[in-house]
C-alpha atoms as a PDB file:
ATOM      1  CA  UNK A   1     -68.642  46.190-179.286  1.00  0.00           C
ATOM      2  CA  UNK A   2     -71.441  44.696-177.178  1.00  0.00           C
ATOM      3  CA  UNK A   3     -74.987  44.533-178.489  1.00  0.00           C
ATOM      4  CA  UNK A   4     -76.402  46.625-175.640  1.00  0.00           C
ATOM      5  CA  UNK A   5     -73.910  49.376-176.505  1.00  0.00           C
ATOM      6  CA  UNK A   6     -75.069  49.380-180.132  1.00  0.00           C
ATOM      7  CA  UNK A   7     -78.666  49.539-178.969  1.00  0.00           C
ATOM      8  CA  UNK A   8     -77.962  52.472-176.696  1.00  0.00           C
ATOM      9  CA  UNK A   9     -76.276  54.398-179.501  1.00  0.00           C
ATOM     10  CA  UNK A  10     -79.320  54.094-181.753  1.00  0.00           C
ATOM     11  CA  UNK A  11     -82.010  54.418-179.107  1.00  0.00           C
ATOM     12  CA  UNK A  12     -83.272  57.658-180.679  1.00  0.00           C
ATOM     13  CA  UNK A  13     -84.699  55.692-183.632  1.00  0.00           C
ATOM     14  CA  UNK A  14     -87.514  53.144-183.454  1.00  0.00           C
ATOM     15  CA  UNK A  15     -86.715  49.438-183.785  1.00  0.00           C
ATOM     16  CA  UNK A  16     -87.882  47.867-187.060  1.00  0.00           C
ATOM     17  CA  UNK A  17     -87.390  44.754-189.128  1.00  0.00           C
ATOM     18  CA  UNK A  18     -84.020  44.705-190.861  1.00  0.00           C
ATOM     19  CA  UNK A  19     -84.048  46.959-193.914  1.00  0.00           C
ATOM     20  CA  UNK A  20     -82.354  45.909-197.137  1.00  0.00           C
ATOM     21  CA  UNK A  21     -79.200  47.695-198.261  1.00  0.00           C
ATOM     22  CA  UNK A  22     -78.712  48.825-201.853  1.00  0.00           C
ATOM     23  CA  UNK A  23     -75.941  49.674-204.262  1.00  0.00           C
ATOM     24  CA  UNK A  24     -77.362  51.650-207.177  1.00  0.00           C
ATOM     25  CA  UNK A  25     -75.445  52.067-210.426  1.00  0.00           C
ATOM     26  CA  UNK A  26     -76.381  55.654-211.176  1.00  0.00           C
ATOM     27  CA  UNK A  27     -74.664  56.196-214.538  1.00  0.00           C
ATOM     28  CA  UNK A  28     -75.368  59.378-216.469  1.00  0.00           C
ATOM     29  CA  UNK A  29     -77.160  62.218-214.646  1.00  0.00           C
ATOM     30  CA  UNK A  30     -79.695  62.020-217.484  1.00  0.00           C
ATOM     31  CA  UNK A  31     -81.104  58.922-215.806  1.00  0.00           C
ATOM     32  CA  UNK A  32     -82.746  61.371-213.418  1.00  0.00           C
ATOM     33  CA  UNK A  33     -85.160  62.493-216.142  1.00  0.00           C
ATOM     34  CA  UNK A  34     -85.124  59.706-218.728  1.00  0.00           C
ATOM     35  CA  UNK A  35     -87.364  56.665-218.914  1.00  0.00           C
ATOM     36  CA  UNK A  36     -85.299  53.529-219.480  1.00  0.00           C
ATOM     37  CA  UNK A  37     -84.736  50.039-218.093  1.00  0.00           C
ATOM     38  CA  UNK A  38     -82.511  51.394-215.333  1.00  0.00           C
ATOM     39  CA  UNK A  39     -84.991  53.925-213.969  1.00  0.00           C
ATOM     40  CA  UNK A  40     -87.676  51.228-214.196  1.00  0.00           C
ATOM     41  CA  UNK A  41     -85.404  48.982-212.128  1.00  0.00           C
ATOM     42  CA  UNK A  42     -84.994  51.675-209.470  1.00  0.00           C
ATOM     43  CA  UNK A  43     -88.763  52.174-209.260  1.00  0.00           C
ATOM     44  CA  UNK A  44     -89.361  48.423-209.028  1.00  0.00           C
ATOM     45  CA  UNK A  45     -87.055  47.979-206.037  1.00  0.00           C
ATOM     46  CA  UNK A  46     -88.629  51.032-204.420  1.00  0.00           C
ATOM     47  CA  UNK A  47     -92.019  49.309-204.625  1.00  0.00           C
ATOM     48  CA  UNK A  48     -90.719  45.985-203.377  1.00  0.00           C
ATOM     49  CA  UNK A  49     -88.918  47.029-200.198  1.00  0.00           C
ATOM     50  CA  UNK A  50     -90.421  48.265-196.955  1.00  0.00           C
ATOM     51  CA  UNK A  51     -90.780  52.015-196.895  1.00  0.00           C
ATOM     52  CA  UNK A  52     -87.879  53.392-194.837  1.00  0.00           C
ATOM     53  CA  UNK A  53     -88.099  55.973-192.082  1.00  0.00           C
ATOM     54  CA  UNK A  54     -84.966  57.632-193.505  1.00  0.00           C
ATOM     55  CA  UNK A  55     -82.202  57.067-196.068  1.00  0.00           C
ATOM     56  CA  UNK A  56     -78.423  57.243-195.667  1.00  0.00           C
ATOM     57  CA  UNK A  57     -76.595  57.595-198.992  1.00  0.00           C
ATOM     58  CA  UNK A  58     -72.894  57.092-199.645  1.00  0.00           C
ATOM     59  CA  UNK A  59     -72.347  58.782-203.015  1.00  0.00           C
ATOM     60  CA  UNK A  60     -69.356  58.718-205.336  1.00  0.00           C
ATOM     61  CA  UNK A  61     -69.689  62.475-205.676  1.00  0.00           C
ATOM     62  CA  UNK A  62     -68.869  63.618-202.156  1.00  0.00           C
ATOM     63  CA  UNK A  63     -65.199  63.086-201.373  1.00  0.00           C
ATOM     64  CA  UNK A  64     -63.691  64.814-198.353  1.00  0.00           C
ATOM     65  CA  UNK A  65     -60.697  64.835-196.074  1.00  0.00           C
ATOM     66  CA  UNK A  66     -62.299  63.154-193.108  1.00  0.00           C
ATOM     67  CA  UNK A  67     -65.795  61.693-192.797  1.00  0.00           C
ATOM     68  CA  UNK A  68     -68.928  63.847-192.648  1.00  0.00           C
ATOM     69  CA  UNK A  69     -72.701  63.438-192.653  1.00  0.00           C
ATOM     70  CA  UNK A  70     -75.170  66.080-193.769  1.00  0.00           C
ATOM     71  CA  UNK A  71     -77.057  67.432-190.762  1.00  0.00           C
ATOM     72  CA  UNK A  72     -79.276  70.200-192.138  1.00  0.00           C
ATOM     73  CA  UNK A  73     -83.081  70.225-191.981  1.00  0.00           C
ATOM     74  CA  UNK A  74     -83.508  70.949-195.713  1.00  0.00           C
ATOM     75  CA  UNK A  75     -80.630  69.787-197.941  1.00  0.00           C
ATOM     76  CA  UNK A  76     -80.265  71.608-201.242  1.00  0.00           C
ATOM     77  CA  UNK A  77     -80.341  69.800-204.601  1.00  0.00           C
ATOM     78  CA  UNK A  78     -76.813  70.006-205.996  1.00  0.00           C
ATOM     79  CA  UNK A  79     -76.382  70.051-209.786  1.00  0.00           C
ATOM     80  CA  UNK A  80     -72.762  68.926-209.794  1.00  0.00           C
ATOM     81  CA  UNK A  81     -72.288  68.411-213.545  1.00  0.00           C
ATOM     82  CA  UNK A  82     -72.103  70.381-216.776  1.00  0.00           C
ATOM     83  CA  UNK A  83     -73.068  70.148-220.425  1.00  0.00           C
ATOM     84  CA  UNK A  84     -76.524  68.687-219.918  1.00  0.00           C
ATOM     85  CA  UNK A  85     -79.963  70.054-220.934  1.00  0.00           C
ATOM     86  CA  UNK A  86     -81.627  72.770-218.883  1.00  0.00           C
ATOM     87  CA  UNK A  87     -84.386  70.310-217.932  1.00  0.00           C
ATOM     88  CA  UNK A  88     -81.862  68.412-215.829  1.00  0.00           C
ATOM     89  CA  UNK A  89     -80.712  71.539-214.021  1.00  0.00           C
ATOM     90  CA  UNK A  90     -84.335  72.410-213.331  1.00  0.00           C
ATOM     91  CA  UNK A  91     -84.865  69.233-211.303  1.00  0.00           C
ATOM     92  CA  UNK A  92     -85.277  69.777-207.592  1.00  0.00           C
ATOM     93  CA  UNK A  93     -85.530  66.984-205.044  1.00  0.00           C
ATOM     94  CA  UNK A  94     -86.725  68.705-201.874  1.00  0.00           C
ATOM     95  CA  UNK A  95     -86.506  65.743-199.505  1.00  0.00           C
ATOM     96  CA  UNK A  96     -86.072  66.761-195.866  1.00  0.00           C
ATOM     97  CA  UNK A  97     -82.848  66.060-194.061  1.00  0.00           C
ATOM     98  CA  UNK A  98     -82.586  64.362-190.688  1.00  0.00           C
ATOM     99  CA  UNK A  99     -80.365  66.001-188.077  1.00  0.00           C
ATOM    100  CA  UNK A 100     -81.431  63.227-185.705  1.00  0.00           C
ATOM    101  CA  UNK A 101     -80.140  60.498-188.031  1.00  0.00           C
ATOM    102  CA  UNK A 102     -76.953  62.491-188.591  1.00  0.00           C
ATOM    103  CA  UNK A 103     -76.324  62.571-184.857  1.00  0.00           C
ATOM    104  CA  UNK A 104     -77.221  58.878-184.485  1.00  0.00           C
ATOM    105  CA  UNK A 105     -74.726  58.047-187.238  1.00  0.00           C
ATOM    106  CA  UNK A 106     -72.023  60.197-185.669  1.00  0.00           C
ATOM    107  CA  UNK A 107     -72.512  58.468-182.314  1.00  0.00           C
ATOM    108  CA  UNK A 108     -72.579  55.000-183.838  1.00  0.00           C
ATOM    109  CA  UNK A 109     -69.277  55.250-185.716  1.00  0.00           C
ATOM    110  CA  UNK A 110     -66.204  54.585-183.600  1.00  0.00           C
ATOM    111  CA  UNK A 111     -63.645  54.027-186.347  1.00  0.00           C
ATOM    112  CA  UNK A 112     -63.287  57.750-187.015  1.00  0.00           C
ATOM    113  CA  UNK A 113     -64.656  61.111-185.944  1.00  0.00           C
ATOM    114  CA  UNK A 114     -67.728  61.959-188.009  1.00  0.00           C
ATOM    115  CA  UNK A 115     -68.347  65.638-188.620  1.00  0.00           C
ATOM    116  CA  UNK A 116     -71.808  67.185-188.958  1.00  0.00           C
ATOM    117  CA  UNK A 117     -72.005  69.095-192.242  1.00  0.00           C
ATOM    118  CA  UNK A 118     -74.380  72.016-192.834  1.00  0.00           C
ATOM    119  CA  UNK A 119     -73.254  73.001-196.357  1.00  0.00           C
ATOM    120  CA  UNK A 120     -73.306  70.077-198.788  1.00  0.00           C
ATOM    121  CA  UNK A 121     -76.833  68.826-199.524  1.00  0.00           C
ATOM    122  CA  UNK A 122     -77.810  66.064-201.975  1.00  0.00           C
ATOM    123  CA  UNK A 123     -75.532  65.588-204.994  1.00  0.00           C
ATOM    124  CA  UNK A 124     -76.658  63.844-208.158  1.00  0.00           C
ATOM    125  CA  UNK A 125     -75.295  60.517-206.954  1.00  0.00           C
ATOM    126  CA  UNK A 126     -78.027  60.701-204.336  1.00  0.00           C
ATOM    127  CA  UNK A 127     -81.029  62.502-205.804  1.00  0.00           C
ATOM    128  CA  UNK A 128     -80.854  61.164-209.375  1.00  0.00           C
ATOM    129  CA  UNK A 129     -81.599  57.643-208.112  1.00  0.00           C
ATOM    130  CA  UNK A 130     -83.538  58.259-204.893  1.00  0.00           C
ATOM    131  CA  UNK A 131     -86.090  60.319-206.843  1.00  0.00           C
ATOM    132  CA  UNK A 132     -87.103  57.139-208.685  1.00  0.00           C
ATOM    133  CA  UNK A 133     -87.478  55.136-205.480  1.00  0.00           C
ATOM    134  CA  UNK A 134     -89.427  57.876-203.680  1.00  0.00           C
ATOM    135  CA  UNK A 135     -90.657  60.445-206.231  1.00  0.00           C
ATOM    136  CA  UNK A 136     -92.654  62.403-203.655  1.00  0.00           C
ATOM    137  CA  UNK A 137     -89.419  63.378-201.873  1.00  0.00           C
ATOM    138  CA  UNK A 138     -91.081  62.632-198.548  1.00  0.00           C
ATOM    139  CA  UNK A 139     -88.472  60.331-196.987  1.00  0.00           C
ATOM    140  CA  UNK A 140     -85.673  62.125-195.079  1.00  0.00           C
ATOM    141  CA  UNK A 141     -82.254  61.733-196.711  1.00  0.00           C
ATOM    142  CA  UNK A 142     -78.751  62.301-195.394  1.00  0.00           C
ATOM    143  CA  UNK A 143     -75.395  61.708-197.085  1.00  0.00           C
ATOM    144  CA  UNK A 144     -72.115  60.352-195.739  1.00  0.00           C
ATOM    145  CA  UNK A 145     -68.899  61.456-197.436  1.00  0.00           C
ATOM    146  CA  UNK A 146     -66.004  59.329-198.669  1.00  0.00           C
ATOM    147  CA  UNK A 147     -62.658  60.074-197.031  1.00  0.00           C
ATOM    148  CA  UNK A 148     -60.398  59.951-200.088  1.00  0.00           C
ATOM    149  CA  UNK A 149     -57.302  59.342-197.951  1.00  0.00           C
ATOM    150  CA  UNK A 150     -58.431  55.936-196.724  1.00  0.00           C
ATOM    151  CA  UNK A 151     -58.057  52.392-198.061  1.00  0.00           C
ATOM    152  CA  UNK A 152     -60.827  50.140-199.325  1.00  0.00           C
ATOM    153  CA  UNK A 153     -60.406  47.960-196.237  1.00  0.00           C
ATOM    154  CA  UNK A 154     -60.893  51.017-194.020  1.00  0.00           C
ATOM    155  CA  UNK A 155     -64.129  51.950-195.817  1.00  0.00           C
ATOM    156  CA  UNK A 156     -65.416  48.379-195.589  1.00  0.00           C
ATOM    157  CA  UNK A 157     -64.787  48.303-191.837  1.00  0.00           C
ATOM    158  CA  UNK A 158     -66.436  51.706-191.356  1.00  0.00           C
ATOM    159  CA  UNK A 159     -69.499  50.500-193.248  1.00  0.00           C
ATOM    160  CA  UNK A 160     -69.914  47.571-190.849  1.00  0.00           C
ATOM    161  CA  UNK A 161     -70.367  50.062-188.013  1.00  0.00           C
ATOM    162  CA  UNK A 162     -73.518  51.338-189.740  1.00  0.00           C
ATOM    163  CA  UNK A 163     -75.260  47.953-189.563  1.00  0.00           C
ATOM    164  CA  UNK A 164     -77.426  48.791-186.523  1.00  0.00           C
ATOM    165  CA  UNK A 165     -79.200  51.477-188.559  1.00  0.00           C
ATOM    166  CA  UNK A 166     -80.768  48.781-190.730  1.00  0.00           C
ATOM    167  CA  UNK A 167     -82.900  47.765-187.757  1.00  0.00           C
ATOM    168  CA  UNK A 168     -83.912  51.373-187.149  1.00  0.00           C
ATOM    169  CA  UNK A 169     -85.810  51.741-190.421  1.00  0.00           C
ATOM    170  CA  UNK A 170     -82.871  53.272-192.286  1.00  0.00           C
ATOM    171  CA  UNK A 171     -82.270  52.341-195.916  1.00  0.00           C
ATOM    172  CA  UNK A 172     -78.520  52.513-196.600  1.00  0.00           C
ATOM    173  CA  UNK A 173     -77.695  53.186-200.249  1.00  0.00           C
ATOM    174  CA  UNK A 174     -74.321  53.158-201.964  1.00  0.00           C
ATOM    175  CA  UNK A 175     -74.405  55.056-205.267  1.00  0.00           C
ATOM    176  CA  UNK A 176     -71.728  54.785-207.942  1.00  0.00           C
ATOM    177  CA  UNK A 177     -70.761  52.354-210.715  1.00  0.00           C
ATOM    178  CA  UNK A 178     -68.729  49.150-210.396  1.00  0.00           C
ATOM    179  CA  UNK A 179     -67.053  49.673-213.776  1.00  0.00           C
ATOM    180  CA  UNK A 180     -66.519  53.373-214.407  1.00  0.00           C
ATOM    181  CA  UNK A 181     -63.862  54.604-216.843  1.00  0.00           C
ATOM    182  CA  UNK A 182     -65.043  57.866-218.372  1.00  0.00           C
ATOM    183  CA  UNK A 183     -61.816  58.188-220.348  1.00  0.00           C
ATOM    184  CA  UNK A 184     -62.736  55.109-222.383  1.00  0.00           C
ATOM    185  CA  UNK A 185     -66.506  55.650-222.657  1.00  0.00           C
ATOM    186  CA  UNK A 186     -67.989  55.672-226.157  1.00  0.00           C
ATOM    187  CA  UNK A 187     -69.919  58.899-225.695  1.00  0.00           C
ATOM    188  CA  UNK A 188     -71.698  58.614-229.050  1.00  0.00           C
ATOM    189  CA  UNK A 189     -73.015  55.210-227.965  1.00  0.00           C
ATOM    190  CA  UNK A 190     -74.053  56.155-224.436  1.00  0.00           C
ATOM    191  CA  UNK A 191     -77.456  54.511-224.747  1.00  0.00           C
ATOM    192  CA  UNK A 192     -76.129  51.272-226.244  1.00  0.00           C
ATOM    193  CA  UNK A 193     -75.778  48.094-224.208  1.00  0.00           C
ATOM    194  CA  UNK A 194     -72.254  46.757-224.669  1.00  0.00           C
ATOM    195  CA  UNK A 195     -69.002  46.437-222.763  1.00  0.00           C
ATOM    196  CA  UNK A 196     -65.388  46.101-223.821  1.00  0.00           C
ATOM    197  CA  UNK A 197     -63.725  42.769-223.104  1.00  0.00           C
ATOM    198  CA  UNK A 198     -61.856  44.134-220.075  1.00  0.00           C
ATOM    199  CA  UNK A 199     -65.057  45.683-218.700  1.00  0.00           C
ATOM    200  CA  UNK A 200     -66.932  42.410-218.980  1.00  0.00           C
ATOM    201  CA  UNK A 201     -64.037  40.464-217.474  1.00  0.00           C
ATOM    202  CA  UNK A 202     -63.930  42.769-214.459  1.00  0.00           C
ATOM    203  CA  UNK A 203     -67.716  42.792-214.169  1.00  0.00           C
ATOM    204  CA  UNK A 204     -67.965  38.991-214.261  1.00  0.00           C
ATOM    205  CA  UNK A 205     -65.294  38.601-211.577  1.00  0.00           C
ATOM    206  CA  UNK A 206     -67.017  41.204-209.416  1.00  0.00           C
ATOM    207  CA  UNK A 207     -70.373  39.489-209.767  1.00  0.00           C
ATOM    208  CA  UNK A 208     -68.895  36.120-208.826  1.00  0.00           C
ATOM    209  CA  UNK A 209     -67.486  37.588-205.604  1.00  0.00           C
ATOM    210  CA  UNK A 210     -70.676  39.510-204.822  1.00  0.00           C
ATOM    211  CA  UNK A 211     -72.964  36.520-205.277  1.00  0.00           C
ATOM    212  CA  UNK A 212     -70.670  34.130-203.393  1.00  0.00           C
ATOM    213  CA  UNK A 213     -70.227  36.523-200.472  1.00  0.00           C
ATOM    214  CA  UNK A 214     -66.439  36.478-200.952  1.00  0.00           C
ATOM    215  CA  UNK A 215     -65.713  40.163-200.416  1.00  0.00           C
ATOM    216  CA  UNK A 216     -61.948  40.054-199.933  1.00  0.00           C
ATOM    217  CA  UNK A 217     -61.075  40.104-203.667  1.00  0.00           C
ATOM    218  CA  UNK A 218     -63.356  43.122-204.014  1.00  0.00           C
ATOM    219  CA  UNK A 219     -61.663  44.878-201.110  1.00  0.00           C
ATOM    220  CA  UNK A 220     -58.271  44.045-202.644  1.00  0.00           C
ATOM    221  CA  UNK A 221     -59.367  45.336-206.041  1.00  0.00           C
ATOM    222  CA  UNK A 222     -55.942  46.823-206.783  1.00  0.00           C
ATOM    223  CA  UNK A 223     -54.407  43.354-206.923  1.00  0.00           C
ATOM    224  CA  UNK A 224     -56.941  41.799-209.315  1.00  0.00           C
ATOM    225  CA  UNK A 225     -55.161  42.492-212.606  1.00  0.00           C
ATOM    226  CA  UNK A 226     -55.381  44.708-215.660  1.00  0.00           C
ATOM    227  CA  UNK A 227     -59.140  44.436-216.184  1.00  0.00           C
ATOM    228  CA  UNK A 228     -59.777  45.834-212.699  1.00  0.00           C
ATOM    229  CA  UNK A 229     -57.222  48.594-213.269  1.00  0.00           C
ATOM    230  CA  UNK A 230     -59.157  49.743-216.326  1.00  0.00           C
ATOM    231  CA  UNK A 231     -62.540  49.275-214.646  1.00  0.00           C
ATOM    232  CA  UNK A 232     -61.564  51.274-211.546  1.00  0.00           C
ATOM    233  CA  UNK A 233     -59.070  53.983-212.593  1.00  0.00           C
ATOM    234  CA  UNK A 234     -60.140  55.985-209.534  1.00  0.00           C
ATOM    235  CA  UNK A 235     -61.983  54.473-206.559  1.00  0.00           C
ATOM    236  CA  UNK A 236     -64.794  56.920-205.765  1.00  0.00           C
ATOM    237  CA  UNK A 237     -67.477  55.210-207.889  1.00  0.00           C
ATOM    238  CA  UNK A 238     -66.429  51.777-206.658  1.00  0.00           C
ATOM    239  CA  UNK A 239     -66.170  52.329-202.901  1.00  0.00           C
ATOM    240  CA  UNK A 240     -69.943  52.789-202.354  1.00  0.00           C
ATOM    241  CA  UNK A 241     -70.330  49.158-203.458  1.00  0.00           C
ATOM    242  CA  UNK A 242     -68.148  48.072-200.538  1.00  0.00           C
ATOM    243  CA  UNK A 243     -70.336  50.032-198.116  1.00  0.00           C
ATOM    244  CA  UNK A 244     -73.348  48.025-199.258  1.00  0.00           C
ATOM    245  CA  UNK A 245     -71.616  44.645-199.269  1.00  0.00           C
ATOM    246  CA  UNK A 246     -70.118  45.197-195.817  1.00  0.00           C
ATOM    247  CA  UNK A 247     -73.666  45.262-194.443  1.00  0.00           C
ATOM    248  CA  UNK A 248     -74.456  41.729-195.605  1.00  0.00           C
ATOM    249  CA  UNK A 249     -75.154  39.459-192.657  1.00  0.00           C
ATOM    250  CA  UNK A 250     -74.592  35.712-192.494  1.00  0.00           C
ATOM    251  CA  UNK A 251     -77.071  33.864-194.690  1.00  0.00           C
ATOM    252  CA  UNK A 252     -78.493  37.066-196.147  1.00  0.00           C
ATOM    253  CA  UNK A 253     -79.471  36.886-199.808  1.00  0.00           C
ATOM    254  CA  UNK A 254     -77.846  39.137-202.416  1.00  0.00           C
ATOM    255  CA  UNK A 255     -79.462  39.815-205.793  1.00  0.00           C
ATOM    256  CA  UNK A 256     -78.481  41.866-208.847  1.00  0.00           C
ATOM    257  CA  UNK A 257     -80.638  44.083-211.014  1.00  0.00           C
ATOM    258  CA  UNK A 258     -80.043  46.571-213.864  1.00  0.00           C
ATOM    259  CA  UNK A 259     -77.166  44.266-214.777  1.00  0.00           C
ATOM    260  CA  UNK A 260     -76.033  45.891-218.019  1.00  0.00           C
ATOM    261  CA  UNK A 261     -72.881  47.416-219.461  1.00  0.00           C
ATOM    262  CA  UNK A 262     -73.296  50.618-221.473  1.00  0.00           C
ATOM    263  CA  UNK A 263     -71.047  52.663-223.761  1.00  0.00           C
ATOM    264  CA  UNK A 264     -68.236  50.150-223.438  1.00  0.00           C
ATOM    265  CA  UNK A 265     -66.766  51.280-220.137  1.00  0.00           C
ATOM    266  CA  UNK A 266     -69.646  51.607-217.657  1.00  0.00           C
ATOM    267  CA  UNK A 267     -71.780  49.046-215.848  1.00  0.00           C
ATOM    268  CA  UNK A 268     -75.162  49.946-214.408  1.00  0.00           C
ATOM    269  CA  UNK A 269     -75.328  46.797-212.270  1.00  0.00           C
ATOM    270  CA  UNK A 270     -77.107  47.382-208.981  1.00  0.00           C
ATOM    271  CA  UNK A 271     -77.083  45.200-205.864  1.00  0.00           C
ATOM    272  CA  UNK A 272     -79.719  44.439-203.266  1.00  0.00           C
ATOM    273  CA  UNK A 273     -78.708  42.943-199.925  1.00  0.00           C
ATOM    274  CA  UNK A 274     -81.688  41.443-198.095  1.00  0.00           C
END
């Protein structure tokens, strides 16, 4: 696709310096209301980066048949979990939506038809972390769904089509967890920093590929051995990482933060591109 065509597709948004892209390890929904090293890490990156004009989130918690973006003026706060204290269910994150950004995103993507959704809102993969970056809920937020039928390579290629938004003031955020096996989590040790051997093996290999810019092993995660099989039993928490990494441009720095394993089978590692 020619550069002037990309420019025309995003002409409704103002040109800006290139925004960073983030992958945020969101972990337990309780991180929305707790004070810990992870929420401090989210707040720190929120202070460090340029304030965006809008945010596009790819969350582990919105899987669909097809690809959709939220297009309502006022997305609802979705409490898509159970068994947590009432204080968590009381949280509201009343950030505005952005129908304009939804339409820009729809027009930009050529790999697939993008539907405009009026029903979803902001799930906890989005609001539980964004609220720490922008606690005043005054930056417009939209979400893009994960088409569960598609391959990791397909998602990586789709993510590359979003790159022009980074120069339109849009902060693109993937939200999930690189290592995420709830079946093997030590629930009684949820606040403890430790990882099983397989979790640390997978995490170390992932970090090596992330920091070297060698994304192909990460895209081909199903062929990386037993540690990866245990780390990624289902792909929805992992795929948002690929959306962030696909946006890395040549020579662009990648850094890690919140780089901890918890409860044996989860990693909170977050990634900043740019």
